[in-house]
């Protein structure tokens, strides 16, 4: 699948759609989800044209991989999160609805061991 530069996350990152920004650096952009599934629900996206986790892990340069996951950790630390869940869906069959790689950080409530 080719990257669609008009996907909702690309528009959010460009400032075309407003959001409540949590974090930004050269590797990542993070904002509060508009339909939170937990008291804390932050979406973290890399600053690059990556469709999915598979695309990101195959094509991102090592400094982008390291910088993005460091940003996820920095966001959790800045939010004072100790117990949290990271979720990413890879492909429509797994529930990916926006085709820009992203990670959800969920926290603030007791969660079950796994999602069905």
N, C-alpha and C. Protein backbone atom coordinates (compact mmCIF):
# COMPACT_ATOMS: atom_id res chain seq x y z
N UNK A 1 0.84 -1.18 0.00
CA UNK A 1 0.00 0.00 0.00
C UNK A 1 0.88 1.24 0.00
N UNK A 2 0.58 2.16 -0.86
CA UNK A 2 1.33 3.42 -0.93
C UNK A 2 0.85 4.35 0.19
N UNK A 3 1.75 5.20 0.66
CA UNK A 3 1.42 6.15 1.70
C UNK A 3 0.52 7.25 1.14
N UNK A 4 -0.55 7.56 1.86
CA UNK A 4 -1.48 8.63 1.48
C UNK A 4 -1.17 9.86 2.32
N UNK A 5 -0.59 10.87 1.71
CA UNK A 5 -0.19 12.07 2.46
C UNK A 5 -1.39 12.90 2.93
N UNK A 6 -2.59 12.48 2.58
CA UNK A 6 -3.79 13.16 3.06
C UNK A 6 -4.52 12.38 4.14
N UNK A 7 -3.84 11.39 4.75
CA UNK A 7 -4.48 10.68 5.85
C UNK A 7 -4.62 11.62 7.05
N UNK A 8 -5.53 11.29 7.94
CA UNK A 8 -5.86 12.19 9.04
C UNK A 8 -4.65 12.51 9.93
N UNK A 9 -3.76 11.56 10.16
CA UNK A 9 -2.60 11.82 11.01
C UNK A 9 -1.60 12.75 10.31
N UNK A 10 -1.45 12.61 9.01
CA UNK A 10 -0.58 13.52 8.27
C UNK A 10 -1.13 14.93 8.33
N UNK A 11 -2.44 15.07 8.22
CA UNK A 11 -3.08 16.38 8.32
C UNK A 11 -2.92 16.97 9.72
N UNK A 12 -3.05 16.14 10.74
CA UNK A 12 -2.85 16.60 12.12
C UNK A 12 -1.42 17.09 12.30
N UNK A 13 -0.46 16.31 11.83
CA UNK A 13 0.94 16.67 11.99
C UNK A 13 1.28 17.98 11.26
N UNK A 14 0.62 18.22 10.12
CA UNK A 14 0.85 19.46 9.37
C UNK A 14 0.08 20.65 9.95
N UNK A 15 -0.78 20.39 10.96
CA UNK A 15 -1.55 21.47 11.57
C UNK A 15 -2.83 21.80 10.83
N UNK A 16 -3.23 20.97 9.88
CA UNK A 16 -4.46 21.21 9.13
C UNK A 16 -5.70 20.80 9.92
N UNK A 17 -5.52 19.89 10.87
CA UNK A 17 -6.58 19.46 11.77
C UNK A 17 -6.07 19.73 13.17
N UNK A 18 -6.85 20.43 14.00
CA UNK A 18 -6.38 20.73 15.35
C UNK A 18 -6.31 19.49 16.23
N UNK A 19 -5.40 19.54 17.20
CA UNK A 19 -5.26 18.46 18.16
C UNK A 19 -4.72 19.04 19.46
N UNK A 20 -4.76 18.22 20.49
CA UNK A 20 -4.16 18.61 21.76
C UNK A 20 -2.78 17.94 21.82
N UNK A 21 -1.76 18.69 21.42
CA UNK A 21 -0.40 18.17 21.32
C UNK A 21 0.16 17.84 22.70
N UNK A 22 0.83 16.70 22.77
CA UNK A 22 1.47 16.23 24.00
C UNK A 22 2.99 16.37 23.89
N UNK A 23 3.54 16.11 22.70
CA UNK A 23 4.99 16.01 22.54
C UNK A 23 5.33 16.18 21.07
N UNK A 24 6.51 16.75 20.82
CA UNK A 24 7.01 16.81 19.46
C UNK A 24 8.52 16.95 19.50
N UNK A 25 9.19 16.19 18.65
CA UNK A 25 10.62 16.32 18.41
C UNK A 25 10.87 16.01 16.94
N UNK A 26 12.11 15.83 16.55
CA UNK A 26 12.41 15.60 15.13
C UNK A 26 11.94 14.23 14.64
N UNK A 27 11.67 13.31 15.56
CA UNK A 27 11.29 11.96 15.18
C UNK A 27 9.80 11.66 15.34
N UNK A 28 9.13 12.34 16.28
CA UNK A 28 7.78 11.94 16.63
C UNK A 28 6.89 13.13 16.94
N UNK A 29 5.60 12.89 16.80
CA UNK A 29 4.57 13.86 17.15
C UNK A 29 3.51 13.08 17.93
N UNK A 30 3.06 13.62 19.06
CA UNK A 30 2.09 12.92 19.90
C UNK A 30 0.96 13.85 20.31
N UNK A 31 -0.23 13.26 20.41
CA UNK A 31 -1.41 14.05 20.74
C UNK A 31 -2.43 13.15 21.44
N UNK A 32 -3.37 13.79 22.13
CA UNK A 32 -4.44 13.05 22.80
C UNK A 32 -5.42 12.52 21.75
N UNK A 33 -5.83 11.26 21.92
CA UNK A 33 -6.82 10.66 21.03
C UNK A 33 -8.16 11.36 21.23
N UNK A 34 -8.90 11.58 20.13
CA UNK A 34 -10.19 12.27 20.26
C UNK A 34 -11.30 11.34 20.78
N UNK A 35 -11.06 10.04 20.75
CA UNK A 35 -12.03 9.08 21.28
C UNK A 35 -11.28 8.15 22.24
N UNK A 36 -10.91 8.66 23.42
CA UNK A 36 -10.04 7.88 24.31
C UNK A 36 -10.67 6.57 24.79
N UNK A 37 -9.84 5.53 24.81
CA UNK A 37 -10.24 4.21 25.30
C UNK A 37 -9.81 4.00 26.74
N UNK A 38 -9.13 4.99 27.31
CA UNK A 38 -8.65 4.94 28.70
C UNK A 38 -8.51 6.39 29.17
N UNK A 39 -8.41 6.60 30.48
CA UNK A 39 -8.24 7.98 30.96
C UNK A 39 -7.05 8.71 30.33
N UNK A 40 -5.97 8.00 30.08
CA UNK A 40 -4.84 8.54 29.31
C UNK A 40 -4.81 7.76 28.01
N UNK A 41 -4.93 8.46 26.89
CA UNK A 41 -4.88 7.82 25.57
C UNK A 41 -4.18 8.78 24.62
N UNK A 42 -2.91 8.48 24.37
CA UNK A 42 -2.05 9.32 23.54
C UNK A 42 -1.66 8.55 22.28
N UNK A 43 -1.73 9.22 21.15
CA UNK A 43 -1.32 8.64 19.87
C UNK A 43 0.05 9.22 19.54
N UNK A 44 0.99 8.34 19.19
CA UNK A 44 2.35 8.77 18.83
C UNK A 44 2.61 8.34 17.40
N UNK A 45 2.99 9.31 16.55
CA UNK A 45 3.26 9.01 15.15
C UNK A 45 4.68 9.44 14.79
N UNK A 46 5.34 8.67 13.94
CA UNK A 46 6.67 9.10 13.49
C UNK A 46 6.54 10.20 12.45
N UNK A 47 7.55 11.03 12.37
CA UNK A 47 7.60 12.07 11.35
C UNK A 47 8.21 11.48 10.09
N UNK A 48 7.39 10.78 9.37
CA UNK A 48 7.81 10.13 8.13
C UNK A 48 6.62 9.46 7.48
N UNK A 49 6.79 9.08 6.25
CA UNK A 49 5.72 8.48 5.46
C UNK A 49 5.72 6.96 5.60
N UNK A 50 5.27 6.48 6.75
CA UNK A 50 5.26 5.04 7.03
C UNK A 50 3.81 4.58 7.19
N UNK A 51 3.42 3.60 6.43
CA UNK A 51 2.04 3.12 6.40
C UNK A 51 1.69 2.29 7.63
N UNK A 52 2.61 1.45 8.08
CA UNK A 52 2.33 0.48 9.13
C UNK A 52 3.60 0.18 9.91
N UNK A 53 3.46 -0.62 10.97
CA UNK A 53 4.63 -1.06 11.72
C UNK A 53 5.60 -1.81 10.81
N UNK A 54 5.07 -2.68 9.97
CA UNK A 54 5.94 -3.44 9.05
C UNK A 54 6.73 -2.50 8.15
N UNK A 55 6.05 -1.51 7.60
CA UNK A 55 6.70 -0.52 6.74
C UNK A 55 7.76 0.25 7.53
N UNK A 56 7.40 0.70 8.73
CA UNK A 56 8.32 1.45 9.57
C UNK A 56 9.56 0.62 9.93
N UNK A 57 9.33 -0.61 10.38
CA UNK A 57 10.46 -1.44 10.82
C UNK A 57 11.38 -1.84 9.67
N UNK A 58 10.83 -1.91 8.46
CA UNK A 58 11.65 -2.28 7.29
C UNK A 58 12.37 -1.09 6.66
N UNK A 59 11.75 0.09 6.69
CA UNK A 59 12.26 1.20 5.88
C UNK A 59 12.80 2.40 6.66
N UNK A 60 12.49 2.51 7.93
CA UNK A 60 13.00 3.64 8.70
C UNK A 60 14.50 3.46 8.94
N UNK A 61 15.22 4.57 8.90
CA UNK A 61 16.65 4.53 9.20
C UNK A 61 16.84 4.24 10.69
N UNK A 62 17.98 3.66 11.06
CA UNK A 62 18.21 3.31 12.47
C UNK A 62 18.00 4.47 13.44
N UNK A 63 18.43 5.69 13.05
CA UNK A 63 18.24 6.83 13.95
C UNK A 63 16.76 7.17 14.12
N UNK A 64 15.94 6.95 13.10
CA UNK A 64 14.50 7.17 13.22
C UNK A 64 13.88 6.11 14.12
N UNK A 65 14.27 4.86 13.95
CA UNK A 65 13.75 3.79 14.81
C UNK A 65 14.07 4.09 16.27
N UNK A 66 15.31 4.40 16.55
CA UNK A 66 15.74 4.67 17.92
C UNK A 66 15.06 5.93 18.46
N UNK A 67 15.04 6.98 17.65
CA UNK A 67 14.46 8.25 18.08
C UNK A 67 12.97 8.15 18.34
N UNK A 68 12.26 7.41 17.50
CA UNK A 68 10.82 7.27 17.69
C UNK A 68 10.51 6.52 18.98
N UNK A 69 11.16 5.39 19.20
CA UNK A 69 10.86 4.62 20.41
C UNK A 69 11.37 5.32 21.66
N UNK A 70 12.43 6.11 21.55
CA UNK A 70 12.87 6.94 22.67
C UNK A 70 11.80 7.99 22.98
N UNK A 71 11.18 8.54 21.94
CA UNK A 71 10.10 9.51 22.14
C UNK A 71 8.92 8.88 22.88
N UNK A 72 8.55 7.66 22.50
CA UNK A 72 7.46 6.96 23.20
C UNK A 72 7.80 6.85 24.69
N UNK A 73 9.03 6.46 25.00
CA UNK A 73 9.46 6.36 26.40
C UNK A 73 9.45 7.72 27.09
N UNK A 74 9.92 8.75 26.39
CA UNK A 74 9.93 10.10 26.97
C UNK A 74 8.52 10.58 27.27
N UNK A 75 7.59 10.28 26.39
CA UNK A 75 6.19 10.69 26.61
C UNK A 75 5.64 10.00 27.86
N UNK A 76 5.87 8.71 27.98
CA UNK A 76 5.40 7.99 29.18
C UNK A 76 6.02 8.58 30.44
N UNK A 77 7.29 8.91 30.40
CA UNK A 77 7.95 9.50 31.57
C UNK A 77 7.40 10.88 31.87
N UNK A 78 7.22 11.70 30.85
CA UNK A 78 6.69 13.06 31.06
C UNK A 78 5.27 13.04 31.61
N UNK A 79 4.52 12.01 31.27
CA UNK A 79 3.15 11.87 31.75
C UNK A 79 3.10 11.16 33.11
N UNK A 80 4.28 10.83 33.66
CA UNK A 80 4.39 10.10 34.94
C UNK A 80 3.68 8.75 34.91
N UNK A 81 3.77 8.06 33.79
CA UNK A 81 3.13 6.76 33.64
C UNK A 81 4.11 5.66 34.03
N UNK A 82 3.67 4.76 34.88
CA UNK A 82 4.46 3.59 35.22
C UNK A 82 3.80 2.32 34.70
N UNK A 83 2.48 2.30 34.72
CA UNK A 83 1.71 1.17 34.20
C UNK A 83 0.95 1.65 32.98
N UNK A 84 1.31 1.11 31.81
CA UNK A 84 0.65 1.55 30.59
C UNK A 84 0.73 0.46 29.54
N UNK A 85 -0.10 0.60 28.54
CA UNK A 85 -0.14 -0.36 27.44
C UNK A 85 0.21 0.38 26.15
N UNK A 86 1.02 -0.26 25.32
CA UNK A 86 1.33 0.23 23.98
C UNK A 86 0.61 -0.65 22.98
N UNK A 87 -0.11 -0.03 22.05
CA UNK A 87 -0.83 -0.80 21.04
C UNK A 87 -0.51 -0.24 19.67
N UNK A 88 -0.26 -1.14 18.72
CA UNK A 88 -0.22 -0.77 17.32
C UNK A 88 -0.89 -1.88 16.53
N UNK A 89 -1.66 -1.51 15.55
CA UNK A 89 -2.33 -2.47 14.68
C UNK A 89 -1.63 -2.42 13.32
N UNK A 90 -1.33 -3.57 12.77
CA UNK A 90 -0.62 -3.65 11.50
C UNK A 90 -1.56 -4.24 10.45
N UNK A 91 -2.18 -3.38 9.65
CA UNK A 91 -3.09 -3.82 8.60
C UNK A 91 -4.54 -3.79 9.03
N UNK A 92 -5.41 -3.70 8.03
CA UNK A 92 -6.85 -3.60 8.29
C UNK A 92 -7.40 -4.79 9.05
N UNK A 93 -6.90 -5.99 8.77
CA UNK A 93 -7.37 -7.19 9.45
C UNK A 93 -7.09 -7.16 10.94
N UNK A 94 -6.10 -6.36 11.35
CA UNK A 94 -5.76 -6.22 12.77
C UNK A 94 -6.42 -5.00 13.39
N UNK A 95 -7.20 -4.26 12.59
CA UNK A 95 -7.90 -3.09 13.11
C UNK A 95 -7.26 -1.76 12.80
N UNK A 96 -6.23 -1.73 11.94
CA UNK A 96 -5.61 -0.44 11.60
C UNK A 96 -6.56 0.34 10.70
N UNK A 97 -6.99 1.51 11.17
CA UNK A 97 -7.93 2.31 10.40
C UNK A 97 -7.28 3.55 9.78
N UNK A 98 -6.16 3.99 10.33
CA UNK A 98 -5.41 5.10 9.74
C UNK A 98 -4.07 4.53 9.27
N UNK A 99 -3.79 4.68 8.00
CA UNK A 99 -2.60 4.06 7.42
C UNK A 99 -1.40 4.99 7.46
N UNK A 100 -1.09 5.40 8.69
CA UNK A 100 0.15 6.08 9.06
C UNK A 100 0.55 5.37 10.35
N UNK A 101 1.71 4.71 10.36
CA UNK A 101 2.13 3.97 11.55
C UNK A 101 1.96 4.83 12.79
N UNK A 102 1.40 4.23 13.83
CA UNK A 102 1.20 4.94 15.09
C UNK A 102 1.12 3.96 16.24
N UNK A 103 1.44 4.46 17.41
CA UNK A 103 1.33 3.70 18.65
C UNK A 103 0.38 4.43 19.57
N UNK A 104 -0.51 3.67 20.20
CA UNK A 104 -1.39 4.22 21.23
C UNK A 104 -0.75 3.93 22.58
N UNK A 105 -0.68 4.94 23.43
CA UNK A 105 -0.29 4.76 24.82
C UNK A 105 -1.57 4.87 25.64
N UNK A 106 -1.92 3.79 26.34
CA UNK A 106 -3.13 3.75 27.17
C UNK A 106 -2.73 3.57 28.62
N UNK A 107 -3.36 4.34 29.51
CA UNK A 107 -3.05 4.25 30.93
C UNK A 107 -4.19 4.87 31.73
N UNK A 108 -4.05 4.75 33.04
CA UNK A 108 -4.99 5.41 33.94
C UNK A 108 -6.11 4.55 34.44
N UNK A 109 -6.10 3.26 34.09
CA UNK A 109 -7.09 2.33 34.60
C UNK A 109 -6.51 0.92 34.54
N UNK A 110 -7.05 0.04 35.34
CA UNK A 110 -6.65 -1.36 35.33
C UNK A 110 -7.15 -1.99 34.03
N UNK A 111 -6.26 -2.70 33.36
CA UNK A 111 -6.62 -3.32 32.08
C UNK A 111 -6.50 -4.83 32.21
N UNK A 112 -7.25 -5.52 31.36
CA UNK A 112 -7.13 -6.98 31.33
C UNK A 112 -5.77 -7.36 30.76
N UNK A 113 -5.40 -8.62 30.91
CA UNK A 113 -4.08 -9.08 30.46
C UNK A 113 -3.92 -8.93 28.95
N UNK A 114 -4.94 -9.24 28.19
CA UNK A 114 -4.87 -9.14 26.72
C UNK A 114 -6.22 -8.70 26.19
N UNK A 115 -6.18 -8.13 25.01
CA UNK A 115 -7.42 -7.78 24.31
C UNK A 115 -7.81 -8.97 23.44
N UNK A 116 -9.11 -9.20 23.27
CA UNK A 116 -9.53 -10.31 22.40
C UNK A 116 -9.22 -10.06 20.94
